Protein backbone atom coordinates (compact mmCIF):
# COMPACT_ATOMS: atom_id res chain seq x y z
CA MET A 1 -0.11 0.00 -0.01
CA SER A 2 1.42 3.39 -1.11
CA LYS A 3 1.96 5.88 1.77
CA VAL A 4 -0.65 8.52 2.27
CA GLU A 5 0.53 12.04 1.95
CA VAL A 6 -0.98 14.70 4.04
CA VAL A 7 0.44 18.28 3.81
CA LEU A 8 -1.20 21.48 5.22
CA LEU A 9 -0.28 24.81 3.68
CA ASP A 10 -0.34 27.00 7.02
CA CYS A 11 0.11 30.33 8.61
CA TRP A 12 0.94 30.32 12.36
CA ALA A 13 -1.37 33.27 13.15
CA SER A 14 -4.32 32.14 11.28
CA PRO A 15 -7.12 30.80 13.28
CA PHE A 16 -8.49 29.35 10.15
CA CYS A 17 -5.26 27.21 9.78
CA MET A 18 -5.43 26.35 13.49
CA ARG A 19 -8.90 24.58 13.16
CA ALA A 20 -7.46 22.47 10.34
CA ASN A 21 -4.43 21.44 12.41
CA ILE A 22 -6.70 20.60 15.47
CA ALA A 23 -8.98 18.41 13.21
CA LEU A 24 -5.97 16.47 12.08
CA GLU A 25 -4.56 16.00 15.59
CA GLU A 26 -7.85 15.05 16.85
CA LYS A 27 -8.07 12.27 14.12
CA GLY A 28 -4.37 11.29 14.91
CA VAL A 29 -3.39 11.92 11.38
CA GLN A 30 0.32 12.30 10.57
CA HIS A 31 0.83 15.48 8.59
CA GLU A 32 3.32 17.89 7.53
CA ARG A 33 2.87 21.62 8.12
CA ARG A 34 4.32 23.96 5.58
CA GLU A 35 4.33 27.48 6.79
CA GLU A 36 3.53 30.04 3.96
CA ASN A 37 5.79 33.35 4.14
CA LEU A 38 2.69 35.41 3.24
CA PHE A 39 4.49 38.70 3.73
CA GLY A 40 7.68 37.64 1.47
CA GLY A 41 5.55 36.07 -1.45
CA LYS A 42 3.28 33.22 -1.50
CA SER A 43 4.69 29.84 -2.73
CA GLU A 44 3.94 28.43 -6.23
CA LEU A 45 2.48 25.32 -4.35
CA LEU A 46 -0.19 27.66 -2.74
CA LEU A 47 -0.89 29.54 -6.01
CA LYS A 48 -1.21 26.35 -7.69
CA SER A 49 -3.52 24.59 -5.05
CA ASN A 50 -5.80 27.56 -4.55
CA PRO A 51 -5.90 29.53 -7.63
CA ILE A 52 -9.02 31.20 -7.15
CA HIS A 53 -8.38 32.81 -3.50
CA GLN A 54 -4.63 32.09 -3.14
CA LYS A 55 -5.26 31.76 0.61
CA VAL A 56 -4.47 29.40 3.40
CA PRO A 57 -5.33 27.01 4.66
CA VAL A 58 -5.11 24.22 1.93
CA LEU A 59 -4.91 20.67 2.64
CA LEU A 60 -3.06 18.53 0.37
CA HIS A 61 -4.13 14.86 0.44
CA ASN A 62 -2.12 12.76 -1.84
CA GLY A 63 -1.57 15.90 -3.68
CA LYS A 64 -5.13 16.80 -4.26
CA PRO A 65 -5.92 20.27 -2.73
CA ILE A 66 -8.89 21.06 -0.44
CA SER A 67 -9.61 24.60 0.37
CA GLU A 68 -11.80 26.74 2.71
CA SER A 69 -11.10 25.58 6.45
CA THR A 70 -14.75 24.57 7.41
CA THR A 71 -14.62 22.40 4.30
CA VAL A 72 -11.20 21.04 5.38
CA VAL A 73 -12.46 20.02 8.71
CA GLY A 74 -15.46 18.41 7.27
CA TYR A 75 -13.27 16.55 4.76
CA ILE A 76 -10.96 15.33 7.60
CA ASP A 77 -13.91 14.03 9.47
CA GLU A 78 -15.25 12.23 6.56
CA VAL A 79 -12.02 10.60 5.25
CA TRP A 80 -10.68 9.49 8.61
CA SER A 81 -13.95 8.20 9.92
CA SER A 82 -12.70 5.27 12.01
CA SER A 83 -12.13 7.48 15.05
CA THR A 84 -14.77 9.47 16.82
CA PRO A 85 -16.83 11.62 14.55
CA LEU A 86 -16.43 15.33 14.88
CA LEU A 87 -19.74 16.07 13.43
CA ARG A 88 -22.92 14.39 14.84
CA THR A 89 -24.77 11.69 12.55
CA TYR A 90 -28.24 13.04 13.39
CA PRO A 91 -29.50 15.61 10.83
CA TYR A 92 -30.86 17.91 13.30
CA GLU A 93 -27.71 17.95 15.35
CA ARG A 94 -25.50 18.34 12.21
CA ALA A 95 -27.63 21.34 11.18
CA GLN A 96 -27.31 23.14 14.57
CA ALA A 97 -23.68 22.46 14.29
CA GLN A 98 -23.34 23.88 10.90
CA PHE A 99 -25.37 26.94 12.00
CA TRP A 100 -23.16 27.74 14.88
CA ALA A 101 -19.96 27.04 12.85
CA ASP A 102 -21.32 29.61 10.29
CA PHE A 103 -22.12 31.96 13.06
CA PHE A 104 -18.68 31.89 14.51
CA ASP A 105 -17.21 32.40 10.97
CA LYS A 106 -19.20 35.42 10.24
CA LYS A 107 -19.33 37.23 13.36
CA VAL A 108 -16.28 36.72 15.70
CA PHE A 109 -13.11 37.64 13.91
CA GLU A 110 -14.58 40.73 12.13
CA ALA A 111 -15.99 42.05 15.42
CA GLY A 112 -12.50 41.51 17.07
CA GLY A 113 -10.78 43.16 14.25
CA GLU A 114 -13.00 46.25 14.58
CA ILE A 115 -11.65 46.73 18.14
CA TRP A 116 -8.05 46.92 17.40
CA THR A 117 -8.58 48.85 14.20
CA SER A 118 -10.68 51.47 15.67
CA GLU A 119 -10.14 54.55 18.12
CA GLY A 120 -12.17 56.64 20.52
CA GLU A 121 -15.95 56.09 20.27
CA ALA A 122 -15.82 53.69 17.44
CA LYS A 123 -13.74 51.42 19.56
CA GLU A 124 -16.20 51.46 22.47
CA VAL A 125 -19.00 50.57 19.92
CA ALA A 126 -16.89 47.74 18.46
CA LYS A 127 -16.22 46.54 22.00
CA LYS A 128 -19.87 46.50 22.72
CA ASP A 129 -20.78 44.62 19.63
CA PHE A 130 -18.20 41.97 20.15
CA LEU A 131 -19.43 41.22 23.65
CA GLU A 132 -22.96 40.94 22.48
CA ILE A 133 -21.91 38.26 19.93
CA LEU A 134 -20.08 36.37 22.79
CA THR A 135 -23.19 36.83 24.84
CA GLN A 136 -25.22 35.06 22.20
CA LEU A 137 -22.52 32.42 21.82
CA GLU A 138 -22.53 31.81 25.60
CA GLY A 139 -26.35 31.34 25.30
CA ALA A 140 -25.89 28.67 22.69
CA LEU A 141 -23.48 26.97 24.88
CA GLY A 142 -25.76 26.83 27.86
CA ASP A 143 -24.58 24.56 30.54
CA LYS A 144 -22.93 21.96 28.25
CA SER A 145 -19.21 21.40 28.35
CA PHE A 146 -18.93 21.77 24.46
CA TYR A 147 -21.09 22.99 22.03
CA GLY A 148 -22.03 19.46 20.74
CA GLY A 149 -22.70 18.46 24.51
CA ASP A 150 -20.06 16.37 26.48
CA ALA A 151 -17.82 15.72 23.66
CA PHE A 152 -15.42 18.05 22.03
CA GLY A 153 -16.42 18.31 18.46
CA PHE A 154 -17.01 20.29 15.13
CA VAL A 155 -18.22 23.59 16.36
CA ASP A 156 -15.36 23.62 19.16
CA ILE A 157 -12.83 23.05 16.51
CA ILE A 158 -14.01 25.86 14.18
CA ALA A 159 -14.39 28.24 17.13
CA ILE A 160 -11.32 27.78 19.52
CA GLY A 161 -8.55 28.90 17.09
CA LEU A 162 -10.51 32.24 16.98
CA THR A 163 -9.99 32.79 20.64
CA SER A 164 -6.07 33.00 20.25
CA TRP A 165 -6.85 36.63 19.17
CA PHE A 166 -8.81 37.36 22.25
CA VAL A 167 -6.10 38.70 24.60
CA ALA A 168 -5.14 41.33 21.67
CA TYR A 169 -8.96 42.31 21.63
CA GLU A 170 -8.87 42.69 25.44
CA LYS A 171 -5.74 44.66 25.70
CA PHE A 172 -6.89 47.09 22.92
CA GLY A 173 -10.37 47.22 24.40
CA GLY A 174 -9.52 47.32 28.01
CA PHE A 175 -11.70 44.53 28.94
CA LYS A 176 -11.83 40.93 30.06
CA VAL A 177 -13.89 38.22 28.32
CA GLU A 178 -14.19 36.30 31.72
CA ASP A 179 -15.82 39.48 33.29
CA HIS A 180 -18.56 39.51 30.85
CA CYS A 181 -19.00 35.91 29.65
CA PRO A 182 -17.85 33.48 32.42
CA LYS A 183 -19.49 30.42 30.90
CA PHE A 184 -17.73 31.03 27.38
CA SER A 185 -14.47 31.68 29.24
CA ALA A 186 -14.73 28.44 31.10
CA TRP A 187 -15.45 26.76 27.74
CA MET A 188 -12.31 28.22 26.27
CA LYS A 189 -10.36 26.79 29.33
CA ARG A 190 -11.81 23.22 28.77
CA CYS A 191 -10.77 23.25 25.30
CA MET A 192 -7.11 24.32 26.02
CA GLN A 193 -6.96 21.41 28.42
CA ARG A 194 -7.06 19.24 25.35
CA GLU A 195 -3.52 18.14 23.98
CA THR A 196 -4.77 18.59 20.25
CA VAL A 197 -5.63 22.18 21.09
CA ALA A 198 -2.69 23.21 23.35
CA LYS A 199 -0.21 22.09 20.82
CA VAL A 200 -1.78 23.85 18.07
CA LEU A 201 -2.70 27.28 19.30
CA PRO A 202 0.07 29.92 19.64
CA ASP A 203 0.99 32.08 22.66
CA PRO A 204 -1.85 34.58 22.62
CA GLU A 205 0.97 37.21 23.59
CA LYS A 206 2.66 36.65 20.22
CA ILE A 207 -0.52 37.28 18.68
CA TYR A 208 -0.82 40.50 20.33
CA GLU A 209 2.54 41.27 19.35
CA PHE A 210 1.72 40.55 15.75
CA VAL A 211 -1.27 42.96 16.09
CA ILE A 212 1.05 45.64 17.42
CA THR A 213 3.39 45.02 14.51
CA LEU A 214 0.43 45.33 11.87
CA ARG A 215 -0.66 48.64 13.58
CA LYS A 216 2.77 50.14 13.46
CA MET A 217 3.13 49.34 9.71
CA HIS A 218 0.57 51.96 9.01
CA GLY A 219 1.01 54.14 11.96
CA ARG A 220 -1.73 56.40 13.83
CA GLY A 221 -4.22 56.13 10.98
CA VAL A 222 -4.73 52.54 11.41
CA SER A 223 -8.59 52.73 11.79
CA VAL A 224 -8.92 54.15 8.26
CA ARG A 225 -5.75 52.94 6.35
CA PHE A 226 -6.07 49.35 7.76
CA ARG A 227 -9.38 48.98 6.13
CA SER A 228 -8.04 50.03 2.77
CA VAL A 229 -4.67 48.15 2.84
CA PHE A 230 -5.20 45.02 4.91
CA PHE A 231 -9.14 44.31 4.44
CA LYS A 232 -10.96 43.71 1.42
CA LEU A 233 -14.78 44.24 1.77
CA THR A 234 -16.82 42.37 -0.46
CA ASN A 235 -19.76 43.74 -2.24
CA ARG A 236 -21.90 40.57 -1.50
CA ASN A 237 -21.71 40.74 2.16
CA ARG A 238 -20.11 42.87 5.04
CA TYR A 239 -17.65 40.27 6.04
CA PHE A 240 -13.91 41.20 5.78
CA ARG A 241 -11.18 39.12 4.25
CA PHE A 242 -7.80 39.45 5.92
CA SER A 243 -5.85 40.10 2.93
CA ILE A 244 -2.41 40.74 4.34
CA LEU A 245 -2.39 37.34 6.13
CA SER A 246 -3.80 35.94 2.83
CA THR A 247 -6.04 33.68 5.20
CA GLU A 248 -9.76 33.43 4.93
CA THR A 249 -12.04 35.31 7.23
CA ASP A 250 -15.24 35.12 5.43
CA ARG A 251 -17.43 32.36 3.86
CA ASN A 252 -18.98 33.60 0.48
CA SER A 253 -21.95 31.46 -0.13
């Protein structure tokens, strides 16, 4: 039998790449992580593997590319199906998981970005909006340990990488998630106790330093110039694509 080759075109700071890595770890799939130097030029492999969006993550399974992080996680769950499934088998539970995964995708990263790219009153509005989103997510979690119930699963994998940016949001916004959403904060801590998560997520302080670097690159006018240089606002919806990272932040359906 020929050896199965699994390669992930990666970016250390991308929460979307993190979810693909966590899914592979949960399934026990040996894989190679190839860090893309997205500031210094995208690799030919990335351009060839994802010619439409030219963004990470891209999973290469025996040379065949799969793009879009949520699609990648679903693919991993189906291909390596011998272990515990990440997505529930019952149609209603699957539909609920897909709904909340989509909610995380479309709301959290964009709202957090508004905090560290804004100043003054706009920042306060952004902080309020972000916490309102987390309150909704806390309500969906309820008293469950994880979004799927007692077991860590699909929605948790989609969501947890996004939280690696929360320290940056908190420092720029002057708040603590735990003070406003204690159940959500407890869920974050439970997820981080899993080896598959802890070994993938970067130090939040390094993400904070990375955000500082992004702000310094365009000086004091970050709230205006960041949007024109670092984000591309699509015409079809109001969800931002994080262009400088060349990593997905929206799902164009």
